[in-house]
Amino acid sequence: MGGWALKSGFLSKTYRTLVKELLTVVVLLELRRRPLSGYDVMLLVFERFHVLLSSGTVYGCLYALERQRLIEGYHMSRKIVYRLTAFGLSEVDEFRSSKAQIAVLVSTVLNA
């Protein structure tokens, strides 16, 4: 699981929870590189983190990002594909420029 040797149920559950909680960040950062469908998001998370998310979790995240005007969906063939809006791109860029502060936060939590 993403390089973790997760033997305990607690660690495995915590890992899955962290992936789900960071799904918004994962989606926004990947959308900076390329458009994604809901299925693409599920596949990305499974390949990168070895966590299988439900379609409800993925589409709930995508719809929330749409409501916040961070992404927009458009029809391509028989599916909806999502891309960043200009506002979403500016928010992602701000997030990326804050990596050091985020790393300090995570380090502080883990060293508590």
PDB file of N, CA and C in Angstrom:
ATOM      1  N   MET A   1       0.839  -1.198   0.000  1.00  0.00           N
ATOM      2  CA  MET A   1       0.000   0.000   0.000  1.00  0.00           C
ATOM      3  C   MET A   1       0.867   1.238   0.000  1.00  0.00           C
ATOM      4  N   GLY A   2       1.199   1.707  -1.166  1.00  0.00           N
ATOM      5  CA  GLY A   2       1.964   2.933  -1.273  1.00  0.00           C
ATOM      6  C   GLY A   2       3.283   2.883  -0.530  1.00  0.00           C
ATOM      7  N   GLY A   3       3.894   1.677  -0.402  1.00  0.00           N
ATOM      8  CA  GLY A   3       5.174   1.579   0.271  1.00  0.00           C
ATOM      9  C   GLY A   3       5.051   1.290   1.757  1.00  0.00           C
ATOM     10  N   TRP A   4       3.826   1.284   2.284  1.00  0.00           N
ATOM     11  CA  TRP A   4       3.634   0.982   3.699  1.00  0.00           C
ATOM     12  C   TRP A   4       3.449  -0.516   3.865  1.00  0.00           C
ATOM     13  N   ALA A   5       4.105  -1.074   4.851  1.00  0.00           N
ATOM     14  CA  ALA A   5       3.848  -2.463   5.205  1.00  0.00           C
ATOM     15  C   ALA A   5       2.785  -2.429   6.296  1.00  0.00           C
ATOM     16  N   LEU A   6       1.539  -2.548   5.899  1.00  0.00           N
ATOM     17  CA  LEU A   6       0.438  -2.377   6.848  1.00  0.00           C
ATOM     18  C   LEU A   6      -0.053  -3.732   7.337  1.00  0.00           C
ATOM     19  N   LYS A   7       0.393  -4.088   8.516  1.00  0.00           N
ATOM     20  CA  LYS A   7       0.003  -5.374   9.069  1.00  0.00           C
ATOM     21  C   LYS A   7      -1.204  -5.230   9.975  1.00  0.00           C
ATOM     22  N   SER A   8      -1.308  -4.125  10.671  1.00  0.00           N
ATOM     23  CA  SER A   8      -2.415  -3.979  11.607  1.00  0.00           C
ATOM     24  C   SER A   8      -3.635  -3.393  10.926  1.00  0.00           C
ATOM     25  N   GLY A   9      -4.786  -3.794  11.415  1.00  0.00           N
ATOM     26  CA  GLY A   9      -6.037  -3.260  10.887  1.00  0.00           C
ATOM     27  C   GLY A   9      -6.152  -1.764  11.113  1.00  0.00           C
ATOM     28  N   PHE A  10      -5.642  -1.283  12.241  1.00  0.00           N
ATOM     29  CA  PHE A  10      -5.701   0.152  12.534  1.00  0.00           C
ATOM     30  C   PHE A  10      -4.909   0.952  11.517  1.00  0.00           C
ATOM     31  N   LEU A  11      -3.676   0.513  11.223  1.00  0.00           N
ATOM     32  CA  LEU A  11      -2.850   1.223  10.249  1.00  0.00           C
ATOM     33  C   LEU A  11      -3.474   1.188   8.861  1.00  0.00           C
ATOM     34  N   SER A  12      -4.003   0.059   8.488  1.00  0.00           N
ATOM     35  CA  SER A  12      -4.637  -0.079   7.180  1.00  0.00           C
ATOM     36  C   SER A  12      -5.841   0.851   7.065  1.00  0.00           C
ATOM     37  N   LYS A  13      -6.653   0.892   8.110  1.00  0.00           N
ATOM     38  CA  LYS A  13      -7.836   1.759   8.110  1.00  0.00           C
ATOM     39  C   LYS A  13      -7.425   3.234   8.100  1.00  0.00           C
ATOM     40  N   THR A  14      -6.387   3.575   8.854  1.00  0.00           N
ATOM     41  CA  THR A  14      -5.897   4.955   8.896  1.00  0.00           C
ATOM     42  C   THR A  14      -5.360   5.370   7.535  1.00  0.00           C
ATOM     43  N   TYR A  15      -4.631   4.486   6.884  1.00  0.00           N
ATOM     44  CA  TYR A  15      -4.089   4.763   5.551  1.00  0.00           C
ATOM     45  C   TYR A  15      -5.222   5.057   4.573  1.00  0.00           C
ATOM     46  N   ARG A  16      -6.235   4.192   4.566  1.00  0.00           N
ATOM     47  CA  ARG A  16      -7.392   4.367   3.677  1.00  0.00           C
ATOM     48  C   ARG A  16      -8.114   5.680   3.979  1.00  0.00           C
ATOM     49  N   THR A  17      -8.281   5.980   5.248  1.00  0.00           N
ATOM     50  CA  THR A  17      -8.945   7.227   5.644  1.00  0.00           C
ATOM     51  C   THR A  17      -8.154   8.439   5.165  1.00  0.00           C
ATOM     52  N   LEU A  18      -6.840   8.399   5.312  1.00  0.00           N
ATOM     53  CA  LEU A  18      -5.998   9.513   4.856  1.00  0.00           C
ATOM     54  C   LEU A  18      -6.112   9.708   3.343  1.00  0.00           C
ATOM     55  N   VAL A  19      -6.105   8.620   2.601  1.00  0.00           N
ATOM     56  CA  VAL A  19      -6.240   8.716   1.143  1.00  0.00           C
ATOM     57  C   VAL A  19      -7.586   9.351   0.797  1.00  0.00           C
ATOM     58  N   LYS A  20      -8.656   8.906   1.458  1.00  0.00           N
ATOM     59  CA  LYS A  20      -9.983   9.467   1.181  1.00  0.00           C
ATOM     60  C   LYS A  20     -10.049  10.944   1.558  1.00  0.00           C
ATOM     61  N   GLU A  21      -9.462  11.309   2.677  1.00  0.00           N
ATOM     62  CA  GLU A  21      -9.499  12.705   3.122  1.00  0.00           C
ATOM     63  C   GLU A  21      -8.678  13.609   2.210  1.00  0.00           C
ATOM     64  N   LEU A  22      -7.641  13.062   1.601  1.00  0.00           N
ATOM     65  CA  LEU A  22      -6.788  13.853   0.706  1.00  0.00           C
ATOM     66  C   LEU A  22      -7.197  13.732  -0.761  1.00  0.00           C
ATOM     67  N   LEU A  23      -8.346  13.101  -1.013  1.00  0.00           N
ATOM     68  CA  LEU A  23      -8.796  12.895  -2.382  1.00  0.00           C
ATOM     69  C   LEU A  23      -8.942  14.212  -3.140  1.00  0.00           C
ATOM     70  N   THR A  24      -9.472  15.227  -2.500  1.00  0.00           N
ATOM     71  CA  THR A  24      -9.622  16.529  -3.150  1.00  0.00           C
ATOM     72  C   THR A  24      -8.275  17.047  -3.640  1.00  0.00           C
ATOM     73  N   VAL A  25      -7.269  16.946  -2.805  1.00  0.00           N
ATOM     74  CA  VAL A  25      -5.936  17.421  -3.164  1.00  0.00           C
ATOM     75  C   VAL A  25      -5.372  16.588  -4.307  1.00  0.00           C
ATOM     76  N   VAL A  26      -5.516  15.274  -4.221  1.00  0.00           N
ATOM     77  CA  VAL A  26      -5.021  14.383  -5.269  1.00  0.00           C
ATOM     78  C   VAL A  26      -5.675  14.732  -6.608  1.00  0.00           C
ATOM     79  N   VAL A  27      -6.989  14.917  -6.591  1.00  0.00           N
ATOM     80  CA  VAL A  27      -7.726  15.223  -7.825  1.00  0.00           C
ATOM     81  C   VAL A  27      -7.283  16.560  -8.400  1.00  0.00           C
ATOM     82  N   LEU A  28      -7.231  17.581  -7.568  1.00  0.00           N
ATOM     83  CA  LEU A  28      -6.861  18.907  -8.068  1.00  0.00           C
ATOM     84  C   LEU A  28      -5.442  18.931  -8.633  1.00  0.00           C
ATOM     85  N   LEU A  29      -4.513  18.292  -7.949  1.00  0.00           N
ATOM     86  CA  LEU A  29      -3.135  18.271  -8.439  1.00  0.00           C
ATOM     87  C   LEU A  29      -3.017  17.500  -9.753  1.00  0.00           C
ATOM     88  N   GLU A  30      -3.761  16.408  -9.884  1.00  0.00           N
ATOM     89  CA  GLU A  30      -3.700  15.635 -11.127  1.00  0.00           C
ATOM     90  C   GLU A  30      -4.403  16.372 -12.263  1.00  0.00           C
ATOM     91  N   LEU A  31      -5.486  17.080 -11.941  1.00  0.00           N
ATOM     92  CA  LEU A  31      -6.178  17.855 -12.977  1.00  0.00           C
ATOM     93  C   LEU A  31      -5.302  18.980 -13.512  1.00  0.00           C
ATOM     94  N   ARG A  32      -4.316  19.374 -12.763  1.00  0.00           N
ATOM     95  CA  ARG A  32      -3.373  20.377 -13.257  1.00  0.00           C
ATOM     96  C   ARG A  32      -2.580  19.812 -14.434  1.00  0.00           C
ATOM     97  N   ARG A  33      -2.411  18.500 -14.452  1.00  0.00           N
ATOM     98  CA  ARG A  33      -1.652  17.827 -15.514  1.00  0.00           C
ATOM     99  C   ARG A  33      -2.515  17.398 -16.693  1.00  0.00           C
ATOM    100  N   ARG A  34      -3.768  16.948 -16.395  1.00  0.00           N
ATOM    101  CA  ARG A  34      -4.614  16.397 -17.462  1.00  0.00           C
ATOM    102  C   ARG A  34      -6.066  16.303 -16.996  1.00  0.00           C
ATOM    103  N   PRO A  35      -7.014  16.339 -17.938  1.00  0.00           N
ATOM    104  CA  PRO A  35      -8.426  16.137 -17.587  1.00  0.00           C
ATOM    105  C   PRO A  35      -8.658  14.695 -17.130  1.00  0.00           C
ATOM    106  N   LEU A  36      -9.658  14.506 -16.274  1.00  0.00           N
ATOM    107  CA  LEU A  36      -9.966  13.177 -15.739  1.00  0.00           C
ATOM    108  C   LEU A  36     -11.465  12.936 -15.716  1.00  0.00           C
ATOM    109  N   SER A  37     -11.861  11.700 -15.945  1.00  0.00           N
ATOM    110  CA  SER A  37     -13.238  11.277 -15.695  1.00  0.00           C
ATOM    111  C   SER A  37     -13.283  10.687 -14.284  1.00  0.00           C
ATOM    112  N   GLY A  38     -14.480  10.409 -13.807  1.00  0.00           N
ATOM    113  CA  GLY A  38     -14.604   9.768 -12.494  1.00  0.00           C
ATOM    114  C   GLY A  38     -13.896   8.433 -12.457  1.00  0.00           C
ATOM    115  N   TYR A  39     -14.032   7.658 -13.525  1.00  0.00           N
ATOM    116  CA  TYR A  39     -13.348   6.376 -13.603  1.00  0.00           C
ATOM    117  C   TYR A  39     -11.837   6.564 -13.561  1.00  0.00           C
ATOM    118  N   ASP A  40     -11.340   7.597 -14.255  1.00  0.00           N
ATOM    119  CA  ASP A  40      -9.900   7.888 -14.237  1.00  0.00           C
ATOM    120  C   ASP A  40      -9.419   8.155 -12.817  1.00  0.00           C
ATOM    121  N   VAL A  41     -10.231   8.854 -12.035  1.00  0.00           N
ATOM    122  CA  VAL A  41      -9.866   9.157 -10.641  1.00  0.00           C
ATOM    123  C   VAL A  41      -9.789   7.863  -9.838  1.00  0.00           C
ATOM    124  N   MET A  42     -10.786   6.991  -9.990  1.00  0.00           N
ATOM    125  CA  MET A  42     -10.767   5.717  -9.263  1.00  0.00           C
ATOM    126  C   MET A  42      -9.527   4.901  -9.618  1.00  0.00           C
ATOM    127  N   LEU A  43      -9.194   4.861 -10.907  1.00  0.00           N
ATOM    128  CA  LEU A  43      -8.025   4.118 -11.366  1.00  0.00           C
ATOM    129  C   LEU A  43      -6.731   4.746 -10.845  1.00  0.00           C
ATOM    130  N   LEU A  44      -6.638   6.055 -10.891  1.00  0.00           N
ATOM    131  CA  LEU A  44      -5.466   6.766 -10.390  1.00  0.00           C
ATOM    132  C   LEU A  44      -5.213   6.450  -8.914  1.00  0.00           C
ATOM    133  N   VAL A  45      -6.253   6.540  -8.110  1.00  0.00           N
ATOM    134  CA  VAL A  45      -6.118   6.283  -6.671  1.00  0.00           C
ATOM    135  C   VAL A  45      -5.726   4.831  -6.423  1.00  0.00           C
ATOM    136  N   PHE A  46      -6.329   3.920  -7.170  1.00  0.00           N
ATOM    137  CA  PHE A  46      -5.990   2.512  -6.983  1.00  0.00           C
ATOM    138  C   PHE A  46      -4.543   2.236  -7.380  1.00  0.00           C
ATOM    139  N   GLU A  47      -4.120   2.767  -8.515  1.00  0.00           N
ATOM    140  CA  GLU A  47      -2.751   2.516  -8.979  1.00  0.00           C
ATOM    141  C   GLU A  47      -1.704   3.183  -8.093  1.00  0.00           C
ATOM    142  N   ARG A  48      -1.991   4.392  -7.631  1.00  0.00           N
ATOM    143  CA  ARG A  48      -1.006   5.143  -6.859  1.00  0.00           C
ATOM    144  C   ARG A  48      -0.982   4.754  -5.385  1.00  0.00           C
ATOM    145  N   PHE A  49      -2.161   4.477  -4.817  1.00  0.00           N
ATOM    146  CA  PHE A  49      -2.257   4.261  -3.366  1.00  0.00           C
ATOM    147  C   PHE A  49      -2.771   2.875  -2.986  1.00  0.00           C
ATOM    148  N   HIS A  50      -3.178   2.079  -3.969  1.00  0.00           N
ATOM    149  CA  HIS A  50      -3.717   0.733  -3.721  1.00  0.00           C
ATOM    150  C   HIS A  50      -4.955   0.772  -2.830  1.00  0.00           C
ATOM    151  N   VAL A  51      -5.781   1.783  -3.048  1.00  0.00           N
ATOM    152  CA  VAL A  51      -7.043   1.926  -2.327  1.00  0.00           C
ATOM    153  C   VAL A  51      -8.145   1.977  -3.371  1.00  0.00           C
ATOM    154  N   LEU A  52      -9.146   1.116  -3.203  1.00  0.00           N
ATOM    155  CA  LEU A  52     -10.273   1.089  -4.120  1.00  0.00           C
ATOM    156  C   LEU A  52     -11.394   1.927  -3.511  1.00  0.00           C
ATOM    157  N   LEU A  53     -11.715   3.032  -4.160  1.00  0.00           N
ATOM    158  CA  LEU A  53     -12.759   3.932  -3.679  1.00  0.00           C
ATOM    159  C   LEU A  53     -14.076   3.630  -4.369  1.00  0.00           C
ATOM    160  N   SER A  54     -15.158   3.885  -3.668  1.00  0.00           N
ATOM    161  CA  SER A  54     -16.469   3.698  -4.275  1.00  0.00           C
ATOM    162  C   SER A  54     -16.736   4.832  -5.256  1.00  0.00           C
ATOM    163  N   SER A  55     -17.609   4.582  -6.199  1.00  0.00           N
ATOM    164  CA  SER A  55     -17.976   5.638  -7.150  1.00  0.00           C
ATOM    165  C   SER A  55     -18.645   6.793  -6.412  1.00  0.00           C
ATOM    166  N   GLY A  56     -19.375   6.504  -5.348  1.00  0.00           N
ATOM    167  CA  GLY A  56     -20.006   7.557  -4.556  1.00  0.00           C
ATOM    168  C   GLY A  56     -18.995   8.497  -3.930  1.00  0.00           C
ATOM    169  N   THR A  57     -17.897   7.945  -3.437  1.00  0.00           N
ATOM    170  CA  THR A  57     -16.836   8.767  -2.850  1.00  0.00           C
ATOM    171  C   THR A  57     -16.206   9.651  -3.916  1.00  0.00           C
ATOM    172  N   VAL A  58     -15.894   9.070  -5.066  1.00  0.00           N
ATOM    173  CA  VAL A  58     -15.222   9.814  -6.134  1.00  0.00           C
ATOM    174  C   VAL A  58     -16.137  10.887  -6.708  1.00  0.00           C
ATOM    175  N   TYR A  59     -17.364  10.506  -7.068  1.00  0.00           N
ATOM    176  CA  TYR A  59     -18.260  11.490  -7.682  1.00  0.00           C
ATOM    177  C   TYR A  59     -18.721  12.536  -6.677  1.00  0.00           C
ATOM    178  N   GLY A  60     -18.834  12.162  -5.419  1.00  0.00           N
ATOM    179  CA  GLY A  60     -19.144  13.148  -4.380  1.00  0.00           C
ATOM    180  C   GLY A  60     -18.065  14.215  -4.302  1.00  0.00           C
ATOM    181  N   CYS A  61     -16.823  13.786  -4.390  1.00  0.00           N
ATOM    182  CA  CYS A  61     -15.684  14.711  -4.396  1.00  0.00           C
ATOM    183  C   CYS A  61     -15.727  15.603  -5.629  1.00  0.00           C
ATOM    184  N   LEU A  62     -15.945  15.009  -6.792  1.00  0.00           N
ATOM    185  CA  LEU A  62     -15.977  15.787  -8.032  1.00  0.00           C
ATOM    186  C   LEU A  62     -17.119  16.806  -8.027  1.00  0.00           C
ATOM    187  N   TYR A  63     -18.292  16.390  -7.570  1.00  0.00           N
ATOM    188  CA  TYR A  63     -19.425  17.316  -7.533  1.00  0.00           C
ATOM    189  C   TYR A  63     -19.172  18.460  -6.556  1.00  0.00           C
ATOM    190  N   ALA A  64     -18.539  18.145  -5.425  1.00  0.00           N
ATOM    191  CA  ALA A  64     -18.217  19.199  -4.450  1.00  0.00           C
ATOM    192  C   ALA A  64     -17.235  20.204  -5.057  1.00  0.00           C
ATOM    193  N   LEU A  65     -16.242  19.713  -5.766  1.00  0.00           N
ATOM    194  CA  LEU A  65     -15.272  20.604  -6.420  1.00  0.00           C
ATOM    195  C   LEU A  65     -15.943  21.454  -7.492  1.00  0.00           C
ATOM    196  N   GLU A  66     -16.921  20.876  -8.169  1.00  0.00           N
ATOM    197  CA  GLU A  66     -17.680  21.642  -9.173  1.00  0.00           C
ATOM    198  C   GLU A  66     -18.492  22.750  -8.511  1.00  0.00           C
ATOM    199  N   ARG A  67     -19.152  22.420  -7.407  1.00  0.00           N
ATOM    200  CA  ARG A  67     -19.951  23.420  -6.675  1.00  0.00           C
ATOM    201  C   ARG A  67     -19.076  24.566  -6.168  1.00  0.00           C
ATOM    202  N   GLN A  68     -17.817  24.261  -5.859  1.00  0.00           N
ATOM    203  CA  GLN A  68     -16.885  25.298  -5.397  1.00  0.00           C
ATOM    204  C   GLN A  68     -16.256  26.047  -6.562  1.00  0.00           C
ATOM    205  N   ARG A  69     -16.628  25.682  -7.776  1.00  0.00           N
ATOM    206  CA  ARG A  69     -16.130  26.298  -9.013  1.00  0.00           C
ATOM    207  C   ARG A  69     -14.612  26.103  -9.215  1.00  0.00           C
ATOM    208  N   LEU A  70     -14.099  25.025  -8.646  1.00  0.00           N
ATOM    209  CA  LEU A  70     -12.686  24.699  -8.831  1.00  0.00           C
ATOM    210  C   LEU A  70     -12.469  23.870 -10.093  1.00  0.00           C
ATOM    211  N   ILE A  71     -13.486  23.096 -10.467  1.00  0.00           N
ATOM    212  CA  ILE A  71     -13.420  22.286 -11.682  1.00  0.00           C
ATOM    213  C   ILE A  71     -14.717  22.439 -12.452  1.00  0.00           C
ATOM    214  N   GLU A  72     -14.659  22.011 -13.712  1.00  0.00           N
ATOM    215  CA  GLU A  72     -15.878  21.982 -14.525  1.00  0.00           C
ATOM    216  C   GLU A  72     -15.876  20.705 -15.338  1.00  0.00           C
ATOM    217  N   GLY A  73     -17.073  20.153 -15.515  1.00  0.00           N
ATOM    218  CA  GLY A  73     -17.209  18.942 -16.296  1.00  0.00           C
ATOM    219  C   GLY A  73     -17.716  19.260 -17.687  1.00  0.00           C
ATOM    220  N   TYR A  74     -17.295  18.462 -18.636  1.00  0.00           N
ATOM    221  CA  TYR A  74     -17.791  18.594 -19.999  1.00  0.00           C
ATOM    222  C   TYR A  74     -17.942  17.190 -20.585  1.00  0.00           C
ATOM    223  N   HIS A  75     -18.857  17.060 -21.530  1.00  0.00           N
ATOM    224  CA  HIS A  75     -19.122  15.754 -22.139  1.00  0.00           C
ATOM    225  C   HIS A  75     -18.085  15.437 -23.202  1.00  0.00           C
ATOM    226  N   MET A  76     -17.555  14.222 -23.100  1.00  0.00           N
ATOM    227  CA  MET A  76     -16.631  13.712 -24.105  1.00  0.00           C
ATOM    228  C   MET A  76     -17.088  12.282 -24.381  1.00  0.00           C
ATOM    229  N   SER A  77     -17.540  12.054 -25.589  1.00  0.00           N
ATOM    230  CA  SER A  77     -18.129  10.759 -25.946  1.00  0.00           C
ATOM    231  C   SER A  77     -19.302  10.495 -25.020  1.00  0.00           C
ATOM    232  N   ARG A  78     -19.237   9.407 -24.268  1.00  0.00           N
ATOM    233  CA  ARG A  78     -20.354   9.047 -23.395  1.00  0.00           C
ATOM    234  C   ARG A  78     -20.019   9.248 -21.918  1.00  0.00           C
ATOM    235  N   LYS A  79     -19.034  10.073 -21.635  1.00  0.00           N
ATOM    236  CA  LYS A  79     -18.671  10.292 -20.232  1.00  0.00           C
ATOM    237  C   LYS A  79     -18.448  11.777 -19.983  1.00  0.00           C
ATOM    238  N   ILE A  80     -18.410  12.116 -18.705  1.00  0.00           N
ATOM    239  CA  ILE A  80     -18.099  13.490 -18.312  1.00  0.00           C
ATOM    240  C   ILE A  80     -16.638  13.525 -17.885  1.00  0.00           C
ATOM    241  N   VAL A  81     -15.925  14.467 -18.416  1.00  0.00           N
ATOM    242  CA  VAL A  81     -14.513  14.655 -18.097  1.00  0.00           C
ATOM    243  C   VAL A  81     -14.389  15.998 -17.385  1.00  0.00           C
ATOM    244  N   TYR A  82     -13.521  16.052 -16.406  1.00  0.00           N
ATOM    245  CA  TYR A  82     -13.359  17.250 -15.586  1.00  0.00           C
ATOM    246  C   TYR A  82     -12.017  17.913 -15.841  1.00  0.00           C
ATOM    247  N   ARG A  83     -12.012  19.238 -15.735  1.00  0.00           N
ATOM    248  CA  ARG A  83     -10.782  20.020 -15.875  1.00  0.00           C
ATOM    249  C   ARG A  83     -10.846  21.154 -14.849  1.00  0.00           C
ATOM    250  N   LEU A  84      -9.682  21.700 -14.558  1.00  0.00           N
ATOM    251  CA  LEU A  84      -9.608  22.838 -13.644  1.00  0.00           C
ATOM    252  C   LEU A  84     -10.196  24.082 -14.296  1.00  0.00           C
ATOM    253  N   THR A  85     -10.847  24.900 -13.497  1.00  0.00           N
ATOM    254  CA  THR A  85     -11.229  26.233 -13.942  1.00  0.00           C
ATOM    255  C   THR A  85     -10.036  27.157 -13.688  1.00  0.00           C
ATOM    256  N   ALA A  86     -10.119  28.381 -14.155  1.00  0.00           N
ATOM    257  CA  ALA A  86      -9.044  29.350 -13.873  1.00  0.00           C
ATOM    258  C   ALA A  86      -8.914  29.552 -12.366  1.00  0.00           C
ATOM    259  N   PHE A  87     -10.047  29.612 -11.676  1.00  0.00           N
ATOM    260  CA  PHE A  87     -10.039  29.752 -10.216  1.00  0.00           C
ATOM    261  C   PHE A  87      -9.391  28.525  -9.569  1.00  0.00           C
ATOM    262  N   GLY A  88      -9.740  27.345 -10.075  1.00  0.00           N
ATOM    263  CA  GLY A  88      -9.157  26.114  -9.543  1.00  0.00           C
ATOM    264  C   GLY A  88      -7.657  26.064  -9.732  1.00  0.00           C
ATOM    265  N   LEU A  89      -7.200  26.498 -10.891  1.00  0.00           N
ATOM    266  CA  LEU A  89      -5.762  26.531 -11.160  1.00  0.00           C
ATOM    267  C   LEU A  89      -5.045  27.463 -10.194  1.00  0.00           C
ATOM    268  N   SER A  90      -5.618  28.622  -9.922  1.00  0.00           N
ATOM    269  CA  SER A  90      -4.978  29.555  -8.980  1.00  0.00           C
ATOM    270  C   SER A  90      -4.942  28.960  -7.570  1.00  0.00           C
ATOM    271  N   GLU A  91      -5.991  28.238  -7.180  1.00  0.00           N
ATOM    272  CA  GLU A  91      -6.003  27.602  -5.858  1.00  0.00           C
ATOM    273  C   GLU A  91      -4.968  26.478  -5.775  1.00  0.00           C
ATOM    274  N   VAL A  92      -4.832  25.704  -6.831  1.00  0.00           N
ATOM    275  CA  VAL A  92      -3.832  24.630  -6.853  1.00  0.00           C
ATOM    276  C   VAL A  92      -2.429  25.213  -6.785  1.00  0.00           C
ATOM    277  N   ASP A  93      -2.196  26.273  -7.527  1.00  0.00           N
ATOM    278  CA  ASP A  93      -0.875  26.905  -7.497  1.00  0.00           C
ATOM    279  C   ASP A  93      -0.555  27.446  -6.101  1.00  0.00           C
ATOM    280  N   GLU A  94      -1.558  28.016  -5.447  1.00  0.00           N
ATOM    281  CA  GLU A  94      -1.351  28.502  -4.072  1.00  0.00           C
ATOM    282  C   GLU A  94      -1.037  27.334  -3.140  1.00  0.00           C
ATOM    283  N   PHE A  95      -1.768  26.233  -3.302  1.00  0.00           N
ATOM    284  CA  PHE A  95      -1.523  25.043  -2.493  1.00  0.00           C
ATOM    285  C   PHE A  95      -0.102  24.533  -2.702  1.00  0.00           C
ATOM    286  N   ARG A  96       0.304  24.444  -3.957  1.00  0.00           N
ATOM    287  CA  ARG A  96       1.643  23.940  -4.274  1.00  0.00           C
ATOM    288  C   ARG A  96       2.736  24.833  -3.694  1.00  0.00           C
ATOM    289  N   SER A  97       2.476  26.133  -3.612  1.00  0.00           N
ATOM    290  CA  SER A  97       3.487  27.034  -3.054  1.00  0.00           C
ATOM    291  C   SER A  97       3.526  26.956  -1.524  1.00  0.00           C
ATOM    292  N   SER A  98       2.578  26.226  -0.930  1.00  0.00           N
ATOM    293  CA  SER A  98       2.520  26.097   0.528  1.00  0.00           C
ATOM    294  C   SER A  98       3.003  24.727   1.003  1.00  0.00           C
ATOM    295  N   LYS A  99       3.704  23.991   0.160  1.00  0.00           N
ATOM    296  CA  LYS A  99       4.142  22.637   0.515  1.00  0.00           C
ATOM    297  C   LYS A  99       4.957  22.605   1.806  1.00  0.00           C
ATOM    298  N   ALA A 100       5.798  23.585   2.008  1.00  0.00           N
ATOM    299  CA  ALA A 100       6.648  23.591   3.211  1.00  0.00           C
ATOM    300  C   ALA A 100       5.802  23.685   4.475  1.00  0.00           C
ATOM    301  N   GLN A 101       4.805  24.562   4.469  1.00  0.00           N
ATOM    302  CA  GLN A 101       3.936  24.700   5.644  1.00  0.00           C
ATOM    303  C   GLN A 101       3.119  23.427   5.878  1.00  0.00           C
ATOM    304  N   ILE A 102       2.690  22.796   4.796  1.00  0.00           N
ATOM    305  CA  ILE A 102       1.918  21.562   4.926  1.00  0.00           C
ATOM    306  C   ILE A 102       2.800  20.456   5.488  1.00  0.00           C
ATOM    307  N   ALA A 103       4.041  20.385   5.031  1.00  0.00           N
ATOM    308  CA  ALA A 103       4.980  19.385   5.537  1.00  0.00           C
ATOM    309  C   ALA A 103       5.232  19.587   7.033  1.00  0.00           C
ATOM    310  N   VAL A 104       5.333  20.829   7.471  1.00  0.00           N
ATOM    311  CA  VAL A 104       5.519  21.115   8.901  1.00  0.00           C
ATOM    312  C   VAL A 104       4.296  20.658   9.685  1.00  0.00           C
ATOM    313  N   LEU A 105       3.112  20.925   9.168  1.00  0.00           N
ATOM    314  CA  LEU A 105       1.881  20.496   9.839  1.00  0.00           C
ATOM    315  C   LEU A 105       1.839  18.978   9.993  1.00  0.00           C
ATOM    316  N   VAL A 106       2.103  18.252   8.916  1.00  0.00           N
ATOM    317  CA  VAL A 106       2.082  16.795   8.968  1.00  0.00           C
ATOM    318  C   VAL A 106       3.142  16.282   9.937  1.00  0.00           C
ATOM    319  N   SER A 107       4.327  16.856   9.893  1.00  0.00           N
ATOM    320  CA  SER A 107       5.393  16.457  10.789  1.00  0.00           C
ATOM    321  C   SER A 107       5.006  16.700  12.249  1.00  0.00           C
ATOM    322  N   THR A 108       4.382  17.841  12.506  1.00  0.00           N
ATOM    323  CA  THR A 108       3.948  18.160  13.865  1.00  0.00           C
ATOM    324  C   THR A 108       2.914  17.156  14.364  1.00  0.00           C
ATOM    325  N   VAL A 109       1.966  16.799  13.514  1.00  0.00           N
ATOM    326  CA  VAL A 109       0.951  15.822  13.902  1.00  0.00           C
ATOM    327  C   VAL A 109       1.585  14.463  14.184  1.00  0.00           C
ATOM    328  N   LEU A 110       2.479  14.031  13.315  1.00  0.00           N
ATOM    329  CA  LEU A 110       3.088  12.714  13.478  1.00  0.00           C
ATOM    330  C   LEU A 110       4.072  12.641  14.638  1.00  0.00           C
ATOM    331  N   ASN A 111       4.620  13.764  15.034  1.00  0.00           N
ATOM    332  CA  ASN A 111       5.571  13.780  16.142  1.00  0.00           C
ATOM    333  C   ASN A 111       4.940  14.155  17.463  1.00  0.00           C
ATOM    334  N   ALA A 112       3.624  14.250  17.496  1.00  0.00           N
ATOM    335  CA  ALA A 112       2.921  14.639  18.738  1.00  0.00           C
ATOM    336  C   ALA A 112       3.009  13.552  19.778  1.00  0.00           C
TER     337      ALA A 112
END
